[in-house]
Amino acid sequence: MDQRGLLERFLALGQQYPDGVGRFAVIEKPVPPVLDTAHGYVLGIPQPVTDRLLAERAAEPGAQIRRGTRVSAVEQDQDGVDVETTDPRRIPDVSRFLAEKISGTGIRYDFGEGPEPLGRRLRNIPLSSGRLYERMHGRRGILLDQGSKLSVAGWADRIDPVRGTACGTPESRFVRRTAALA
């Protein structure tokens, strides 16, 4: 850190151990006879503080640190280095996958054979009488019946029928009731 001009910043926020640490996790560890440093101490500093100090130093000449990105190209010339990155969240398939997992709409409960939406959690779709999540305040599943006159006979103790028309959805869907994300 001293060679990078950062020593004073780190010393201000760290803890010096003049004889080395000597003990780690209650295990005695002899101090190395020669520390590979120009300074006669070990500096203890939390990792998040180290990350922040290094990010601040990188920002001074204009560098940007981007976590969670992928390097897709690197070009260097006499003026510097250009790095092209791809944020995986900006890739449509990745973005859709993450949104479905976070919202719960990408989870499918196995109810056996049936139409594609069977067992899936739906978005808060508009119905002819309000919105889906408004109808999902109980703790039971619902059968969204859009005119095919489906019956919940035999399941009436577990499933509530909701009659109405959902804009842009297939005829009927079974929805497992979960905590709704509004």
Protein backbone atom coordinates (compact mmCIF):
# COMPACT_ATOMS: atom_id res chain seq x y z
CA MET A 1 0.00 0.00 0.00
CA ASP A 2 2.92 2.30 0.72
CA GLN A 3 4.27 1.89 -2.83
CA ARG A 4 0.83 2.81 -4.20
CA GLY A 5 0.60 5.93 -2.03
CA LEU A 6 -2.19 4.47 0.07
CA LEU A 7 -0.43 3.71 3.34
CA GLU A 8 -1.74 6.72 5.28
CA ARG A 9 -5.35 5.96 4.29
CA PHE A 10 -5.01 2.38 5.47
CA LEU A 11 -3.16 3.27 8.68
CA ALA A 12 -5.92 5.72 9.61
CA LEU A 13 -8.55 2.97 9.47
CA GLY A 14 -6.60 -0.15 10.42
CA GLN A 15 -5.08 -1.66 13.55
CA GLN A 16 -1.30 -2.14 13.71
CA TYR A 17 0.12 -5.30 15.28
CA PRO A 18 3.84 -4.60 15.84
CA ASP A 19 4.83 -8.21 16.46
CA GLY A 20 2.57 -9.67 13.84
CA VAL A 21 -0.76 -11.18 14.71
CA GLY A 22 0.64 -14.19 16.57
CA ARG A 23 -2.81 -15.69 17.14
CA PHE A 24 -5.64 -16.43 14.76
CA ALA A 25 -8.93 -18.07 15.73
CA VAL A 26 -7.48 -18.85 19.18
CA ILE A 27 -4.65 -20.81 17.54
CA GLU A 28 -1.13 -19.75 18.42
CA LYS A 29 0.80 -18.97 15.29
CA PRO A 30 4.43 -18.01 15.57
CA VAL A 31 5.33 -14.74 13.93
CA PRO A 32 7.38 -15.29 10.76
CA PRO A 33 11.03 -14.47 11.47
CA VAL A 34 11.12 -12.07 8.54
CA LEU A 35 8.02 -10.27 7.34
CA ASP A 36 8.26 -9.49 3.62
CA THR A 37 7.61 -5.81 4.20
CA ALA A 38 9.41 -2.54 4.78
CA HIS A 39 7.19 -2.02 7.84
CA GLY A 40 7.61 -3.88 11.12
CA TYR A 41 3.95 -4.64 11.73
CA VAL A 42 0.92 -6.41 10.35
CA LEU A 43 -2.03 -4.15 9.58
CA GLY A 44 -5.47 -5.51 10.44
CA ILE A 45 -8.28 -3.90 8.47
CA PRO A 46 -11.76 -5.23 7.63
CA GLN A 47 -12.21 -6.40 4.04
CA PRO A 48 -15.12 -4.01 3.28
CA VAL A 49 -12.92 -1.08 4.35
CA THR A 50 -10.11 -2.35 2.12
CA ASP A 51 -12.57 -2.65 -0.79
CA ARG A 52 -13.84 0.89 -0.23
CA LEU A 53 -10.34 2.40 -0.02
CA LEU A 54 -9.21 0.63 -3.19
CA ALA A 55 -12.39 1.68 -5.04
CA GLU A 56 -11.86 5.30 -3.97
CA ARG A 57 -8.26 5.16 -5.22
CA ALA A 58 -9.32 3.59 -8.53
CA ALA A 59 -11.93 6.33 -9.03
CA GLU A 60 -9.37 9.14 -8.66
CA PRO A 61 -7.90 8.69 -12.17
CA GLY A 62 -11.35 7.78 -13.56
CA ALA A 63 -11.38 3.98 -13.33
CA GLN A 64 -14.71 2.29 -12.66
CA ILE A 65 -15.15 -0.92 -10.71
CA ARG A 66 -18.14 -2.95 -11.84
CA ARG A 67 -18.95 -6.06 -9.90
CA GLY A 68 -21.13 -8.77 -11.39
CA THR A 69 -20.22 -7.97 -14.97
CA ARG A 70 -18.52 -10.00 -17.64
CA VAL A 71 -15.52 -8.72 -19.61
CA SER A 72 -16.32 -9.17 -23.30
CA ALA A 73 -13.40 -7.28 -24.90
CA VAL A 74 -10.16 -5.53 -23.95
CA GLU A 75 -8.22 -3.05 -26.11
CA GLN A 76 -5.01 -1.29 -25.16
CA ASP A 77 -3.20 1.56 -26.89
CA GLN A 78 -0.69 4.23 -25.84
CA ASP A 79 -3.46 6.26 -24.15
CA GLY A 80 -4.78 3.50 -21.91
CA VAL A 81 -6.95 0.41 -21.75
CA ASP A 82 -10.58 0.11 -22.82
CA VAL A 83 -12.58 -2.72 -21.30
CA GLU A 84 -15.97 -3.66 -22.71
CA THR A 85 -18.26 -5.34 -20.22
CA THR A 86 -21.59 -7.10 -20.36
CA ASP A 87 -23.92 -6.93 -17.40
CA PRO A 88 -25.63 -10.34 -17.30
CA ARG A 89 -28.80 -8.69 -16.01
CA ARG A 90 -29.10 -6.84 -19.33
CA ILE A 91 -29.26 -10.10 -21.30
CA PRO A 92 -33.01 -10.68 -21.87
CA ASP A 93 -33.01 -14.39 -20.95
CA VAL A 94 -31.00 -13.78 -17.76
CA SER A 95 -33.15 -10.80 -16.82
CA ARG A 96 -36.36 -12.78 -17.34
CA PHE A 97 -34.98 -15.76 -15.38
CA LEU A 98 -33.98 -13.57 -12.40
CA ALA A 99 -37.29 -11.69 -12.42
CA GLU A 100 -39.25 -14.96 -12.49
CA LYS A 101 -37.25 -16.43 -9.60
CA ILE A 102 -37.48 -13.29 -7.48
CA SER A 103 -41.23 -12.85 -8.05
CA GLY A 104 -42.01 -16.55 -7.83
CA THR A 105 -43.56 -16.71 -11.31
CA GLY A 106 -40.74 -18.99 -12.51
CA ILE A 107 -41.54 -21.66 -9.94
CA ARG A 108 -43.76 -24.53 -11.05
CA TYR A 109 -45.49 -26.83 -8.58
CA ASP A 110 -45.89 -30.34 -9.94
CA PHE A 111 -49.59 -31.09 -10.36
CA GLY A 112 -49.02 -33.67 -13.07
CA GLU A 113 -50.04 -33.32 -16.69
CA GLY A 114 -51.88 -30.20 -17.73
CA PRO A 115 -51.59 -26.93 -19.61
CA GLU A 116 -48.34 -24.94 -19.30
CA PRO A 117 -49.51 -22.49 -16.62
CA LEU A 118 -50.75 -25.30 -14.34
CA GLY A 119 -49.04 -24.92 -10.97
CA ARG A 120 -47.38 -21.63 -11.77
CA ARG A 121 -47.71 -18.41 -9.85
CA LEU A 122 -49.17 -15.74 -12.10
CA ARG A 123 -48.39 -12.08 -12.39
CA ASN A 124 -50.99 -9.67 -11.03
CA ILE A 125 -53.05 -9.91 -14.20
CA PRO A 126 -56.16 -7.78 -14.73
CA LEU A 127 -59.50 -9.57 -14.47
CA SER A 128 -62.89 -8.30 -15.54
CA SER A 129 -63.60 -7.79 -11.82
CA GLY A 130 -60.39 -6.30 -10.38
CA ARG A 131 -56.92 -7.82 -10.37
CA LEU A 132 -55.78 -11.35 -9.60
CA TYR A 133 -53.87 -10.55 -6.39
CA GLU A 134 -56.97 -8.86 -4.93
CA ARG A 135 -58.69 -12.25 -5.22
CA MET A 136 -55.81 -14.10 -3.56
CA HIS A 137 -56.09 -12.87 0.02
CA GLY A 138 -56.99 -16.27 1.49
CA ARG A 139 -54.63 -19.17 2.09
CA ARG A 140 -56.08 -21.54 -0.47
CA GLY A 141 -55.42 -22.11 -4.13
CA ILE A 142 -57.72 -20.60 -6.72
CA LEU A 143 -59.07 -21.83 -10.03
CA LEU A 144 -59.29 -19.01 -12.51
CA ASP A 145 -62.29 -19.93 -14.65
CA GLN A 146 -62.70 -17.72 -17.69
CA GLY A 147 -65.96 -19.03 -19.05
CA SER A 148 -65.49 -22.76 -19.45
CA LYS A 149 -67.63 -23.38 -16.35
CA LEU A 150 -65.04 -25.46 -14.53
CA SER A 151 -65.97 -26.98 -11.20
CA VAL A 152 -64.00 -27.24 -7.99
CA ALA A 153 -66.25 -30.08 -6.81
CA GLY A 154 -64.14 -32.45 -4.77
CA TRP A 155 -61.64 -29.70 -4.02
CA ALA A 156 -63.97 -27.08 -2.54
CA ASP A 157 -62.25 -27.45 0.84
CA ARG A 158 -58.91 -26.40 -0.72
CA ILE A 159 -59.63 -24.30 -3.82
CA ASP A 160 -61.70 -21.17 -4.41
CA PRO A 161 -63.19 -20.60 -7.87
CA VAL A 162 -62.61 -17.15 -9.36
CA ARG A 163 -64.78 -16.39 -12.35
CA GLY A 164 -63.81 -13.72 -14.79
CA THR A 165 -61.78 -12.94 -17.86
CA ALA A 166 -58.06 -12.41 -17.70
CA CYS A 167 -56.69 -10.25 -20.45
CA GLY A 168 -54.32 -12.21 -22.67
CA THR A 169 -54.35 -15.48 -20.70
CA PRO A 170 -55.41 -19.02 -21.61
CA GLU A 171 -58.93 -20.19 -20.67
CA SER A 172 -58.33 -21.44 -17.13
CA ARG A 173 -55.45 -21.71 -14.75
CA PHE A 174 -54.84 -23.20 -11.35
CA VAL A 175 -52.88 -20.83 -9.16
CA ARG A 176 -51.18 -21.90 -5.96
CA ARG A 177 -51.80 -19.10 -3.53
CA THR A 178 -48.62 -17.63 -2.08
CA ALA A 179 -47.84 -14.30 -0.49
CA ALA A 180 -48.60 -11.86 -3.27
CA LEU A 181 -45.98 -9.38 -4.37
CA ALA A 182 -47.78 -6.15 -5.15
